[in-house]
């Protein structure tokens, strides 16, 4: 998270309070530490879930879709958005998941969700959105970029 997002997450008045905490010699308040630890645990649980799914696949390559803004994240992954709360935290989740899958021998491609192109692709193909279709779209985009 950036300072503004962290301040909002911790329900602080401004991002300046984060800077003060970072520069101050005093420890971060216990309640803030606990809230950040709970968030970290939620991210780690989500990473374990993705690694478990990958481990059950017969494929050694996986595509992870990274949402770049809260609107797309909330639209396409509402449950995960509710848990994590922002696309910045989603970025951390994707980075940690990528590292974890690569540690067990997987090959990971991170695709960035472009809602405009994805929605056009859905319309042309007369599809309804699903996680599997987002991965198929991302795989198709990755192949196109690799040429």
C-alpha atoms as a PDB file:
ATOM      1  CA  UNK A   1       0.000   0.000   0.000  1.00  0.00           C
ATOM      2  CA  UNK A   2       1.073   3.542  -0.454  1.00  0.00           C
ATOM      3  CA  UNK A   3       0.961   5.866   2.552  1.00  0.00           C
ATOM      4  CA  UNK A   4      -2.504   7.219   1.724  1.00  0.00           C
ATOM      5  CA  UNK A   5      -3.979   3.739   1.374  1.00  0.00           C
ATOM      6  CA  UNK A   6      -2.303   2.606   4.584  1.00  0.00           C
ATOM      7  CA  UNK A   7      -3.641   5.640   6.449  1.00  0.00           C
ATOM      8  CA  UNK A   8      -7.114   4.940   5.124  1.00  0.00           C
ATOM      9  CA  UNK A   9      -6.814   1.252   6.039  1.00  0.00           C
ATOM     10  CA  UNK A  10      -5.723   2.137   9.584  1.00  0.00           C
ATOM     11  CA  UNK A  11      -8.408   4.860   9.778  1.00  0.00           C
ATOM     12  CA  UNK A  12      -5.871   7.619  10.360  1.00  0.00           C
ATOM     13  CA  UNK A  13      -6.536  11.272   9.579  1.00  0.00           C
ATOM     14  CA  UNK A  14      -3.837  11.608   6.921  1.00  0.00           C
ATOM     15  CA  UNK A  15      -0.919   9.953   5.191  1.00  0.00           C
ATOM     16  CA  UNK A  16       1.339  12.285   7.187  1.00  0.00           C
ATOM     17  CA  UNK A  17       0.614  10.144  10.248  1.00  0.00           C
ATOM     18  CA  UNK A  18       2.170   7.150   8.431  1.00  0.00           C
ATOM     19  CA  UNK A  19       5.285   9.189   7.673  1.00  0.00           C
ATOM     20  CA  UNK A  20       5.486  10.245  11.323  1.00  0.00           C
ATOM     21  CA  UNK A  21       5.150   6.610  12.443  1.00  0.00           C
ATOM     22  CA  UNK A  22       7.857   5.540   9.994  1.00  0.00           C
ATOM     23  CA  UNK A  23      10.251   8.262  11.159  1.00  0.00           C
ATOM     24  CA  UNK A  24       9.358   8.281  14.834  1.00  0.00           C
ATOM     25  CA  UNK A  25      11.439   6.365  17.308  1.00  0.00           C
ATOM     26  CA  UNK A  26       8.281   5.119  19.036  1.00  0.00           C
ATOM     27  CA  UNK A  27       6.729   1.822  18.047  1.00  0.00           C
ATOM     28  CA  UNK A  28       3.611   1.667  15.933  1.00  0.00           C
ATOM     29  CA  UNK A  29       0.531   1.374  18.118  1.00  0.00           C
ATOM     30  CA  UNK A  30      -0.451  -2.179  19.004  1.00  0.00           C
ATOM     31  CA  UNK A  31      -3.875  -1.854  17.354  1.00  0.00           C
ATOM     32  CA  UNK A  32      -2.257  -0.846  14.044  1.00  0.00           C
ATOM     33  CA  UNK A  33       0.243  -3.704  14.261  1.00  0.00           C
ATOM     34  CA  UNK A  34      -2.590  -6.153  14.858  1.00  0.00           C
ATOM     35  CA  UNK A  35      -4.676  -4.813  11.987  1.00  0.00           C
ATOM     36  CA  UNK A  36      -1.711  -5.014   9.597  1.00  0.00           C
ATOM     37  CA  UNK A  37      -0.898  -8.532  10.858  1.00  0.00           C
ATOM     38  CA  UNK A  38      -4.499  -9.640  10.172  1.00  0.00           C
ATOM     39  CA  UNK A  39      -4.262  -8.221   6.658  1.00  0.00           C
ATOM     40  CA  UNK A  40      -0.963 -10.022   6.104  1.00  0.00           C
ATOM     41  CA  UNK A  41      -2.552 -13.269   7.310  1.00  0.00           C
ATOM     42  CA  UNK A  42      -5.472 -12.821   4.882  1.00  0.00           C
ATOM     43  CA  UNK A  43      -3.064 -12.272   1.991  1.00  0.00           C
ATOM     44  CA  UNK A  44      -0.996 -15.298   3.005  1.00  0.00           C
ATOM     45  CA  UNK A  45      -4.135 -17.469   3.247  1.00  0.00           C
ATOM     46  CA  UNK A  46      -5.143 -16.364  -0.255  1.00  0.00           C
ATOM     47  CA  UNK A  47      -1.623 -17.193  -1.514  1.00  0.00           C
ATOM     48  CA  UNK A  48      -1.803 -20.688   0.023  1.00  0.00           C
ATOM     49  CA  UNK A  49      -5.163 -21.207  -1.653  1.00  0.00           C
ATOM     50  CA  UNK A  50      -3.763 -20.277  -5.078  1.00  0.00           C
ATOM     51  CA  UNK A  51      -0.698 -22.487  -4.567  1.00  0.00           C
ATOM     52  CA  UNK A  52      -2.993 -25.389  -3.616  1.00  0.00           C
ATOM     53  CA  UNK A  53      -5.039 -24.881  -6.783  1.00  0.00           C
ATOM     54  CA  UNK A  54      -1.851 -24.752  -8.863  1.00  0.00           C
ATOM     55  CA  UNK A  55      -0.510 -27.908  -7.196  1.00  0.00           C
ATOM     56  CA  UNK A  56      -3.627 -29.810  -8.231  1.00  0.00           C
ATOM     57  CA  UNK A  57      -3.295 -28.846 -11.902  1.00  0.00           C
ATOM     58  CA  UNK A  58      -1.487 -30.994 -14.415  1.00  0.00           C
ATOM     59  CA  UNK A  59       0.019 -27.896 -15.999  1.00  0.00           C
ATOM     60  CA  UNK A  60       3.272 -26.285 -14.890  1.00  0.00           C
ATOM     61  CA  UNK A  61       2.389 -22.870 -16.276  1.00  0.00           C
ATOM     62  CA  UNK A  62      -0.155 -20.518 -14.788  1.00  0.00           C
ATOM     63  CA  UNK A  63      -1.461 -17.050 -15.528  1.00  0.00           C
ATOM     64  CA  UNK A  64      -2.256 -14.699 -12.672  1.00  0.00           C
ATOM     65  CA  UNK A  65      -4.404 -11.689 -13.442  1.00  0.00           C
ATOM     66  CA  UNK A  66      -3.410  -8.428 -11.760  1.00  0.00           C
ATOM     67  CA  UNK A  67      -6.099  -5.794 -11.295  1.00  0.00           C
ATOM     68  CA  UNK A  68      -4.714  -2.287 -11.549  1.00  0.00           C
ATOM     69  CA  UNK A  69      -7.623  -0.394 -10.020  1.00  0.00           C
ATOM     70  CA  UNK A  70     -10.220  -0.949  -7.345  1.00  0.00           C
ATOM     71  CA  UNK A  71     -13.135  -0.765  -9.763  1.00  0.00           C
ATOM     72  CA  UNK A  72     -11.955  -3.697 -11.882  1.00  0.00           C
ATOM     73  CA  UNK A  73     -10.876  -5.672  -8.824  1.00  0.00           C
ATOM     74  CA  UNK A  74     -14.279  -5.208  -7.147  1.00  0.00           C
ATOM     75  CA  UNK A  75     -16.143  -6.018 -10.371  1.00  0.00           C
ATOM     76  CA  UNK A  76     -14.317  -9.210 -11.340  1.00  0.00           C
ATOM     77  CA  UNK A  77     -13.266 -10.598  -7.943  1.00  0.00           C
ATOM     78  CA  UNK A  78     -15.786  -9.171  -5.450  1.00  0.00           C
ATOM     79  CA  UNK A  79     -15.133 -11.736  -2.702  1.00  0.00           C
ATOM     80  CA  UNK A  80     -11.363 -11.272  -2.840  1.00  0.00           C
ATOM     81  CA  UNK A  81     -11.815  -7.486  -3.064  1.00  0.00           C
ATOM     82  CA  UNK A  82     -13.963  -7.587   0.067  1.00  0.00           C
ATOM     83  CA  UNK A  83     -11.216  -9.486   1.890  1.00  0.00           C
ATOM     84  CA  UNK A  84      -8.208  -7.516   0.651  1.00  0.00           C
ATOM     85  CA  UNK A  85      -9.796  -4.121   0.107  1.00  0.00           C
ATOM     86  CA  UNK A  86      -7.630  -2.584  -2.605  1.00  0.00           C
ATOM     87  CA  UNK A  87      -5.869  -3.239  -5.869  1.00  0.00           C
ATOM     88  CA  UNK A  88      -2.556  -2.333  -4.200  1.00  0.00           C
ATOM     89  CA  UNK A  89      -2.952  -5.179  -1.750  1.00  0.00           C
ATOM     90  CA  UNK A  90      -3.995  -7.369  -4.678  1.00  0.00           C
ATOM     91  CA  UNK A  91      -0.667  -6.499  -6.296  1.00  0.00           C
ATOM     92  CA  UNK A  92       1.122  -7.737  -3.187  1.00  0.00           C
ATOM     93  CA  UNK A  93      -0.974 -10.909  -3.278  1.00  0.00           C
ATOM     94  CA  UNK A  94      -0.057 -11.506  -6.942  1.00  0.00           C
ATOM     95  CA  UNK A  95       3.665 -10.929  -6.293  1.00  0.00           C
ATOM     96  CA  UNK A  96       3.680 -13.296  -3.320  1.00  0.00           C
ATOM     97  CA  UNK A  97       1.682 -15.930  -5.207  1.00  0.00           C
ATOM     98  CA  UNK A  98       4.062 -15.705  -8.167  1.00  0.00           C
ATOM     99  CA  UNK A  99       7.090 -16.256  -5.925  1.00  0.00           C
ATOM    100  CA  UNK A 100       5.445 -19.165  -4.107  1.00  0.00           C
ATOM    101  CA  UNK A 101       4.480 -20.955  -7.324  1.00  0.00           C
ATOM    102  CA  UNK A 102       7.913 -20.385  -8.845  1.00  0.00           C
ATOM    103  CA  UNK A 103       9.524 -21.847  -5.708  1.00  0.00           C
ATOM    104  CA  UNK A 104       7.748 -25.143  -6.386  1.00  0.00           C
ATOM    105  CA  UNK A 105       8.770 -25.198 -10.041  1.00  0.00           C
ATOM    106  CA  UNK A 106       5.880 -23.429 -11.725  1.00  0.00           C
ATOM    107  CA  UNK A 107       6.154 -20.887 -14.507  1.00  0.00           C
ATOM    108  CA  UNK A 108       4.052 -17.805 -13.854  1.00  0.00           C
ATOM    109  CA  UNK A 109       2.894 -15.103 -16.229  1.00  0.00           C
ATOM    110  CA  UNK A 110       1.259 -12.042 -14.740  1.00  0.00           C
ATOM    111  CA  UNK A 111      -1.347 -10.481 -17.011  1.00  0.00           C
ATOM    112  CA  UNK A 112      -2.676  -7.012 -16.328  1.00  0.00           C
ATOM    113  CA  UNK A 113      -6.446  -6.689 -16.618  1.00  0.00           C
ATOM    114  CA  UNK A 114      -7.484  -4.206 -19.262  1.00  0.00           C
ATOM    115  CA  UNK A 115     -11.223  -4.043 -18.732  1.00  0.00           C
ATOM    116  CA  UNK A 116     -11.919  -2.258 -22.001  1.00  0.00           C
ATOM    117  CA  UNK A 117     -10.205  -4.937 -24.114  1.00  0.00           C
ATOM    118  CA  UNK A 118     -11.554  -7.758 -21.990  1.00  0.00           C
ATOM    119  CA  UNK A 119     -15.156  -6.527 -22.213  1.00  0.00           C
ATOM    120  CA  UNK A 120     -14.805  -6.111 -26.001  1.00  0.00           C
ATOM    121  CA  UNK A 121     -13.411  -9.671 -26.223  1.00  0.00           C
ATOM    122  CA  UNK A 122     -16.358 -10.967 -24.195  1.00  0.00           C
ATOM    123  CA  UNK A 123     -18.816  -9.168 -26.471  1.00  0.00           C
ATOM    124  CA  UNK A 124     -17.248 -10.397 -29.702  1.00  0.00           C
ATOM    125  CA  UNK A 125     -17.286 -13.970 -28.423  1.00  0.00           C
ATOM    126  CA  UNK A 126     -20.734 -13.647 -26.805  1.00  0.00           C
ATOM    127  CA  UNK A 127     -19.383 -14.899 -23.459  1.00  0.00           C
ATOM    128  CA  UNK A 128     -20.449 -14.174 -19.899  1.00  0.00           C
ATOM    129  CA  UNK A 129     -17.618 -13.346 -17.525  1.00  0.00           C
ATOM    130  CA  UNK A 130     -15.995 -16.052 -15.417  1.00  0.00           C
ATOM    131  CA  UNK A 131     -12.598 -16.576 -13.824  1.00  0.00           C
ATOM    132  CA  UNK A 132     -11.781 -19.253 -16.409  1.00  0.00           C
ATOM    133  CA  UNK A 133     -12.641 -16.880 -19.275  1.00  0.00           C
ATOM    134  CA  UNK A 134     -10.462 -14.148 -17.783  1.00  0.00           C
ATOM    135  CA  UNK A 135      -7.563 -16.619 -17.729  1.00  0.00           C
ATOM    136  CA  UNK A 136      -8.312 -17.714 -21.320  1.00  0.00           C
ATOM    137  CA  UNK A 137      -8.363 -14.048 -22.389  1.00  0.00           C
ATOM    138  CA  UNK A 138      -5.101 -13.357 -20.545  1.00  0.00           C
ATOM    139  CA  UNK A 139      -3.467 -16.435 -22.094  1.00  0.00           C
ATOM    140  CA  UNK A 140      -4.543 -15.253 -25.554  1.00  0.00           C
ATOM    141  CA  UNK A 141      -3.144 -11.776 -24.820  1.00  0.00           C
ATOM    142  CA  UNK A 142       0.157 -13.229 -23.613  1.00  0.00           C
ATOM    143  CA  UNK A 143       0.518 -15.330 -26.776  1.00  0.00           C
ATOM    144  CA  UNK A 144      -0.171 -12.267 -28.900  1.00  0.00           C
ATOM    145  CA  UNK A 145       2.475 -10.237 -27.080  1.00  0.00           C
ATOM    146  CA  UNK A 146       5.029 -13.037 -27.374  1.00  0.00           C
ATOM    147  CA  UNK A 147       5.042 -12.943 -31.190  1.00  0.00           C
END
